Amino acid sequence: MTKPLQCLGVVLAGGRSSRMGQDKALLPHNQANMLAFSQNLLAQTKVDQVVVSGKTHGIADTFDQLGPMGGIYTIIQQYQPKALLILPVDLPLMNVESLTQLKLAGELSQQPSYFNNHYLPLYLPVNAFVKQFFERTFTKIQSAEQTKGPSIRTLLQQLPSKALTPKNNQCLFNTNTPEQWQQAQQQFSNHRSTHV
């Protein structure tokens, strides 16, 4: 019998990138792209395995067009992990230290852990309540009582959870538009020039 995964790293890369105008996962980042950068960050936090949520680059959602929670539900169903460390593909300034901080806080408290005012990235223990929440919600979607996927916020409002302060708020800078991506690139070049 295979040993259950203690912590599965998940890159959320299933969005349509409509505001960016091109696939965010393929944007160039340090001789690679955002998808490879995100996978590498998760791997360095010592998760058991890293998977990609999203039809184009990884695992297609069981229920299409339902946002991040549709992807998370599919991954839980497929892998049955004890916990998830979830990272969206559009955080180019994220670092291993901040993700490790989340993972440790979540493991110690056995509670969902995220940064103040940012529900992603997220450490999510897959306990009985979380499983029940997903089953109940997605059963309603299947029976067409509901057409919209739940938000991560809705889930976290029903659970005791930990909101942490990151050591560096910049790591949470989110890039959804070409303008935001340009700002992030400016940060890369500033960082490189101060480390030369």
C-alpha atoms as a PDB file:
ATOM      1  CA  MET A   1       0.000   0.000   0.000  1.00  0.00           C
ATOM      2  CA  THR A   2       1.362   3.451  -0.898  1.00  0.00           C
ATOM      3  CA  LYS A   3       2.206   5.724   1.989  1.00  0.00           C
ATOM      4  CA  PRO A   4      -0.156   8.747   2.117  1.00  0.00           C
ATOM      5  CA  LEU A   5       1.422  12.074   1.142  1.00  0.00           C
ATOM      6  CA  GLN A   6       2.041  14.171   4.252  1.00  0.00           C
ATOM      7  CA  CYS A   7       2.184  17.422   2.310  1.00  0.00           C
ATOM      8  CA  LEU A   8       1.556  17.870  -1.406  1.00  0.00           C
ATOM      9  CA  GLY A   9       2.773  21.048  -3.116  1.00  0.00           C
ATOM     10  CA  VAL A  10       0.260  22.475  -5.610  1.00  0.00           C
ATOM     11  CA  VAL A  11       0.904  25.172  -8.228  1.00  0.00           C
ATOM     12  CA  LEU A  12      -2.398  26.764  -9.266  1.00  0.00           C
ATOM     13  CA  ALA A  13      -2.002  27.408 -12.995  1.00  0.00           C
ATOM     14  CA  GLY A  14      -5.519  26.924 -14.324  1.00  0.00           C
ATOM     15  CA  GLY A  15      -6.610  30.549 -14.731  1.00  0.00           C
ATOM     16  CA  ARG A  16      -7.447  32.041 -18.114  1.00  0.00           C
ATOM     17  CA  SER A  17      -4.863  34.877 -17.776  1.00  0.00           C
ATOM     18  CA  SER A  18      -7.380  37.137 -19.570  1.00  0.00           C
ATOM     19  CA  ARG A  19      -6.147  40.383 -17.980  1.00  0.00           C
ATOM     20  CA  MET A  20      -2.508  39.513 -18.699  1.00  0.00           C
ATOM     21  CA  GLY A  21      -3.255  38.723 -22.344  1.00  0.00           C
ATOM     22  CA  GLN A  22      -0.905  35.714 -22.317  1.00  0.00           C
ATOM     23  CA  ASP A  23      -0.398  32.580 -20.232  1.00  0.00           C
ATOM     24  CA  LYS A  24       1.023  33.718 -16.856  1.00  0.00           C
ATOM     25  CA  ALA A  25       2.635  30.310 -16.324  1.00  0.00           C
ATOM     26  CA  LEU A  26       4.900  30.885 -19.352  1.00  0.00           C
ATOM     27  CA  LEU A  27       6.102  34.393 -18.452  1.00  0.00           C
ATOM     28  CA  PRO A  28       9.950  34.391 -18.279  1.00  0.00           C
ATOM     29  CA  HIS A  29      11.523  34.362 -14.817  1.00  0.00           C
ATOM     30  CA  ASN A  30      15.261  33.909 -14.108  1.00  0.00           C
ATOM     31  CA  GLN A  31      16.203  31.768 -17.135  1.00  0.00           C
ATOM     32  CA  ALA A  32      12.992  29.740 -16.676  1.00  0.00           C
ATOM     33  CA  ASN A  33       9.286  30.606 -16.575  1.00  0.00           C
ATOM     34  CA  MET A  34       6.787  31.288 -13.789  1.00  0.00           C
ATOM     35  CA  LEU A  35       5.575  27.683 -13.755  1.00  0.00           C
ATOM     36  CA  ALA A  36       9.092  26.243 -13.275  1.00  0.00           C
ATOM     37  CA  PHE A  37       9.898  28.987 -10.722  1.00  0.00           C
ATOM     38  CA  SER A  38       6.767  28.122  -8.692  1.00  0.00           C
ATOM     39  CA  GLN A  39       7.407  24.365  -8.844  1.00  0.00           C
ATOM     40  CA  ASN A  40      10.987  24.891  -7.712  1.00  0.00           C
ATOM     41  CA  LEU A  41       9.923  27.076  -4.762  1.00  0.00           C
ATOM     42  CA  LEU A  42       7.536  24.391  -3.521  1.00  0.00           C
ATOM     43  CA  ALA A  43      10.122  21.636  -3.998  1.00  0.00           C
ATOM     44  CA  GLN A  44      12.542  23.593  -1.797  1.00  0.00           C
ATOM     45  CA  THR A  45      10.020  23.674   1.074  1.00  0.00           C
ATOM     46  CA  LYS A  46      10.440  19.888   1.347  1.00  0.00           C
ATOM     47  CA  VAL A  47       6.938  18.851   0.304  1.00  0.00           C
ATOM     48  CA  ASP A  48       6.552  15.173  -0.682  1.00  0.00           C
ATOM     49  CA  GLN A  49       5.660  15.933  -4.295  1.00  0.00           C
ATOM     50  CA  VAL A  50       4.718  18.924  -6.480  1.00  0.00           C
ATOM     51  CA  VAL A  51       1.775  18.852  -8.887  1.00  0.00           C
ATOM     52  CA  VAL A  52       0.280  21.477 -11.196  1.00  0.00           C
ATOM     53  CA  SER A  53      -3.433  22.252 -11.149  1.00  0.00           C
ATOM     54  CA  GLY A  54      -4.758  23.353 -14.546  1.00  0.00           C
ATOM     55  CA  LYS A  55      -5.677  21.683 -17.833  1.00  0.00           C
ATOM     56  CA  THR A  56      -2.941  23.278 -19.990  1.00  0.00           C
ATOM     57  CA  HIS A  57       0.043  22.487 -17.736  1.00  0.00           C
ATOM     58  CA  GLY A  58      -1.133  19.729 -15.422  1.00  0.00           C
ATOM     59  CA  ILE A  59      -4.271  18.191 -13.936  1.00  0.00           C
ATOM     60  CA  ALA A  60      -7.603  19.291 -15.431  1.00  0.00           C
ATOM     61  CA  ASP A  61     -10.336  20.237 -12.940  1.00  0.00           C
ATOM     62  CA  THR A  62     -13.157  17.741 -12.461  1.00  0.00           C
ATOM     63  CA  PHE A  63     -15.546  20.712 -12.559  1.00  0.00           C
ATOM     64  CA  ASP A  64     -14.474  23.279 -15.127  1.00  0.00           C
ATOM     65  CA  GLN A  65     -14.507  27.077 -14.645  1.00  0.00           C
ATOM     66  CA  LEU A  66     -14.927  27.005 -10.858  1.00  0.00           C
ATOM     67  CA  GLY A  67     -11.756  28.861  -9.934  1.00  0.00           C
ATOM     68  CA  PRO A  68      -8.995  27.787  -7.532  1.00  0.00           C
ATOM     69  CA  MET A  69     -11.329  25.709  -5.341  1.00  0.00           C
ATOM     70  CA  GLY A  70     -12.266  23.535  -8.326  1.00  0.00           C
ATOM     71  CA  GLY A  71      -8.574  22.768  -8.814  1.00  0.00           C
ATOM     72  CA  ILE A  72      -7.967  22.151  -5.098  1.00  0.00           C
ATOM     73  CA  TYR A  73     -10.962  19.793  -4.895  1.00  0.00           C
ATOM     74  CA  THR A  74      -9.696  17.787  -7.902  1.00  0.00           C
ATOM     75  CA  ILE A  75      -6.183  17.442  -6.387  1.00  0.00           C
ATOM     76  CA  ILE A  76      -7.591  16.294  -3.009  1.00  0.00           C
ATOM     77  CA  GLN A  77      -9.775  13.687  -4.768  1.00  0.00           C
ATOM     78  CA  GLN A  78      -6.909  12.404  -6.888  1.00  0.00           C
ATOM     79  CA  TYR A  79      -4.056  12.327  -4.343  1.00  0.00           C
ATOM     80  CA  GLN A  80      -5.753  12.091  -0.915  1.00  0.00           C
ATOM     81  CA  PRO A  81      -2.912  14.006   0.821  1.00  0.00           C
ATOM     82  CA  LYS A  82      -2.871  14.856   4.525  1.00  0.00           C
ATOM     83  CA  ALA A  83      -2.128  18.505   3.695  1.00  0.00           C
ATOM     84  CA  LEU A  84      -1.596  20.861   0.757  1.00  0.00           C
ATOM     85  CA  LEU A  85       0.826  23.750   0.314  1.00  0.00           C
ATOM     86  CA  ILE A  86      -0.834  25.815  -2.426  1.00  0.00           C
ATOM     87  CA  LEU A  87       0.950  28.461  -4.487  1.00  0.00           C
ATOM     88  CA  PRO A  88      -0.617  30.472  -7.335  1.00  0.00           C
ATOM     89  CA  VAL A  89       1.546  30.824 -10.460  1.00  0.00           C
ATOM     90  CA  ASP A  90       1.428  34.643 -10.438  1.00  0.00           C
ATOM     91  CA  LEU A  91       3.645  35.537  -7.440  1.00  0.00           C
ATOM     92  CA  PRO A  92       7.053  36.277  -9.031  1.00  0.00           C
ATOM     93  CA  LEU A  93       8.563  37.734  -5.834  1.00  0.00           C
ATOM     94  CA  MET A  94       7.614  34.805  -3.583  1.00  0.00           C
ATOM     95  CA  ASN A  95      10.485  33.101  -1.734  1.00  0.00           C
ATOM     96  CA  VAL A  96      11.238  29.803  -0.003  1.00  0.00           C
ATOM     97  CA  GLU A  97      11.510  31.444   3.427  1.00  0.00           C
ATOM     98  CA  SER A  98       7.916  32.756   3.334  1.00  0.00           C
ATOM     99  CA  LEU A  99       6.473  29.456   2.069  1.00  0.00           C
ATOM    100  CA  THR A 100       8.402  27.546   4.741  1.00  0.00           C
ATOM    101  CA  GLN A 101       7.017  29.953   7.380  1.00  0.00           C
ATOM    102  CA  LEU A 102       3.457  29.067   6.227  1.00  0.00           C
ATOM    103  CA  LYS A 103       4.133  25.336   6.136  1.00  0.00           C
ATOM    104  CA  LEU A 104       5.658  25.261   9.625  1.00  0.00           C
ATOM    105  CA  ALA A 105       2.844  27.357  11.138  1.00  0.00           C
ATOM    106  CA  GLY A 106       0.270  25.045   9.552  1.00  0.00           C
ATOM    107  CA  GLU A 107       2.022  21.854  10.619  1.00  0.00           C
ATOM    108  CA  LEU A 108       2.427  23.034  14.221  1.00  0.00           C
ATOM    109  CA  SER A 109      -1.151  24.294  14.614  1.00  0.00           C
ATOM    110  CA  GLN A 110      -2.818  21.776  12.277  1.00  0.00           C
ATOM    111  CA  GLN A 111      -4.813  24.739  10.979  1.00  0.00           C
ATOM    112  CA  PRO A 112      -5.010  26.437   7.575  1.00  0.00           C
ATOM    113  CA  SER A 113      -2.309  29.113   7.432  1.00  0.00           C
ATOM    114  CA  TYR A 114      -2.077  32.115   5.118  1.00  0.00           C
ATOM    115  CA  PHE A 115      -0.699  35.662   5.137  1.00  0.00           C
ATOM    116  CA  ASN A 116      -2.760  38.635   6.385  1.00  0.00           C
ATOM    117  CA  ASN A 117      -5.285  39.774   3.725  1.00  0.00           C
ATOM    118  CA  HIS A 118      -4.016  37.150   1.223  1.00  0.00           C
ATOM    119  CA  TYR A 119      -5.713  33.748   1.101  1.00  0.00           C
ATOM    120  CA  LEU A 120      -3.060  32.415  -1.276  1.00  0.00           C
ATOM    121  CA  PRO A 121      -0.477  30.980  -0.826  1.00  0.00           C
ATOM    122  CA  LEU A 122      -2.143  28.636   1.662  1.00  0.00           C
ATOM    123  CA  TYR A 123      -1.209  25.675   3.849  1.00  0.00           C
ATOM    124  CA  LEU A 124      -4.355  23.534   4.077  1.00  0.00           C
ATOM    125  CA  PRO A 125      -4.616  20.438   6.296  1.00  0.00           C
ATOM    126  CA  VAL A 126      -7.011  18.027   4.583  1.00  0.00           C
ATOM    127  CA  ASN A 127      -9.038  17.033   7.634  1.00  0.00           C
ATOM    128  CA  ALA A 128     -12.569  15.608   7.893  1.00  0.00           C
ATOM    129  CA  PHE A 129     -14.150  19.070   7.958  1.00  0.00           C
ATOM    130  CA  VAL A 130     -12.336  20.213   4.805  1.00  0.00           C
ATOM    131  CA  LYS A 131     -13.311  17.021   2.963  1.00  0.00           C
ATOM    132  CA  GLN A 132     -16.927  17.425   4.078  1.00  0.00           C
ATOM    133  CA  PHE A 133     -16.983  21.081   2.972  1.00  0.00           C
ATOM    134  CA  PHE A 134     -15.801  20.128  -0.535  1.00  0.00           C
ATOM    135  CA  GLU A 135     -18.128  17.129  -0.833  1.00  0.00           C
ATOM    136  CA  ARG A 136     -21.162  19.147   0.249  1.00  0.00           C
ATOM    137  CA  THR A 137     -20.362  22.092  -2.038  1.00  0.00           C
ATOM    138  CA  PHE A 138     -19.508  20.091  -5.129  1.00  0.00           C
ATOM    139  CA  THR A 139     -22.521  17.787  -4.702  1.00  0.00           C
ATOM    140  CA  LYS A 140     -24.689  20.916  -4.954  1.00  0.00           C
ATOM    141  CA  ILE A 141     -22.820  21.950  -8.104  1.00  0.00           C
ATOM    142  CA  GLN A 142     -23.329  18.500  -9.642  1.00  0.00           C
ATOM    143  CA  SER A 143     -27.057  18.634  -8.934  1.00  0.00           C
ATOM    144  CA  ALA A 144     -27.146  22.171 -10.422  1.00  0.00           C
ATOM    145  CA  GLU A 145     -28.358  23.759  -7.170  1.00  0.00           C
ATOM    146  CA  GLN A 146     -25.274  25.936  -7.475  1.00  0.00           C
ATOM    147  CA  THR A 147     -23.311  27.111 -10.513  1.00  0.00           C
ATOM    148  CA  LYS A 148     -20.535  29.134  -8.932  1.00  0.00           C
ATOM    149  CA  GLY A 149     -17.536  27.593  -7.175  1.00  0.00           C
ATOM    150  CA  PRO A 150     -16.942  28.457  -3.510  1.00  0.00           C
ATOM    151  CA  SER A 151     -14.184  30.919  -2.613  1.00  0.00           C
ATOM    152  CA  ILE A 152     -11.167  30.056  -0.474  1.00  0.00           C
ATOM    153  CA  ARG A 153     -12.369  32.795   1.880  1.00  0.00           C
ATOM    154  CA  THR A 154     -15.709  30.947   2.390  1.00  0.00           C
ATOM    155  CA  LEU A 155     -13.844  27.807   3.420  1.00  0.00           C
ATOM    156  CA  LEU A 156     -11.469  29.648   5.773  1.00  0.00           C
ATOM    157  CA  GLN A 157     -14.308  31.554   7.457  1.00  0.00           C
ATOM    158  CA  GLN A 158     -15.650  28.211   8.664  1.00  0.00           C
ATOM    159  CA  LEU A 159     -12.371  26.941  10.103  1.00  0.00           C
ATOM    160  CA  PRO A 160     -10.040  28.035  12.882  1.00  0.00           C
ATOM    161  CA  SER A 161      -7.060  29.328  10.907  1.00  0.00           C
ATOM    162  CA  LYS A 162      -3.840  31.295  11.278  1.00  0.00           C
ATOM    163  CA  ALA A 163      -3.152  34.597   9.510  1.00  0.00           C
ATOM    164  CA  LEU A 164       0.577  35.319   9.541  1.00  0.00           C
ATOM    165  CA  THR A 165       2.604  38.442   8.845  1.00  0.00           C
ATOM    166  CA  PRO A 166       5.251  37.814   6.189  1.00  0.00           C
ATOM    167  CA  LYS A 167       8.775  39.005   6.896  1.00  0.00           C
ATOM    168  CA  ASN A 168       8.645  40.815   3.561  1.00  0.00           C
ATOM    169  CA  ASN A 169       5.283  41.965   2.172  1.00  0.00           C
ATOM    170  CA  GLN A 170       6.718  42.320  -1.343  1.00  0.00           C
ATOM    171  CA  CYS A 171       6.706  38.539  -1.748  1.00  0.00           C
ATOM    172  CA  LEU A 172       2.894  38.725  -2.051  1.00  0.00           C
ATOM    173  CA  PHE A 173       2.969  41.078  -5.043  1.00  0.00           C
ATOM    174  CA  ASN A 174       0.474  39.613  -7.478  1.00  0.00           C
ATOM    175  CA  THR A 175       0.832  39.986 -11.274  1.00  0.00           C
ATOM    176  CA  ASN A 176      -2.448  39.895 -13.168  1.00  0.00           C
ATOM    177  CA  THR A 177      -1.803  42.614 -15.765  1.00  0.00           C
ATOM    178  CA  PRO A 178       1.098  43.576 -18.076  1.00  0.00           C
ATOM    179  CA  GLU A 179       1.635  46.709 -15.923  1.00  0.00           C
ATOM    180  CA  GLN A 180       2.001  44.632 -12.743  1.00  0.00           C
ATOM    181  CA  TRP A 181       4.358  42.267 -14.562  1.00  0.00           C
ATOM    182  CA  GLN A 182       6.523  45.245 -15.591  1.00  0.00           C
ATOM    183  CA  GLN A 183       6.649  46.387 -11.955  1.00  0.00           C
ATOM    184  CA  ALA A 184       7.728  42.898 -10.887  1.00  0.00           C
ATOM    185  CA  GLN A 185      10.472  42.848 -13.548  1.00  0.00           C
ATOM    186  CA  GLN A 186      11.719  46.175 -12.185  1.00  0.00           C
ATOM    187  CA  GLN A 187      12.006  44.477  -8.779  1.00  0.00           C
ATOM    188  CA  PHE A 188      14.016  41.581 -10.323  1.00  0.00           C
ATOM    189  CA  SER A 189      16.506  43.982 -11.910  1.00  0.00           C
ATOM    190  CA  ASN A 190      16.819  46.036  -8.681  1.00  0.00           C
ATOM    191  CA  HIS A 191      17.428  42.815  -6.752  1.00  0.00           C
ATOM    192  CA  ARG A 192      20.040  41.643  -9.269  1.00  0.00           C
ATOM    193  CA  SER A 193      21.897  44.979  -9.272  1.00  0.00           C
ATOM    194  CA  THR A 194      22.109  45.042  -5.445  1.00  0.00           C
ATOM    195  CA  HIS A 195      23.550  41.503  -5.451  1.00  0.00           C
ATOM    196  CA  VAL A 196      26.235  42.011  -8.103  1.00  0.00           C
END
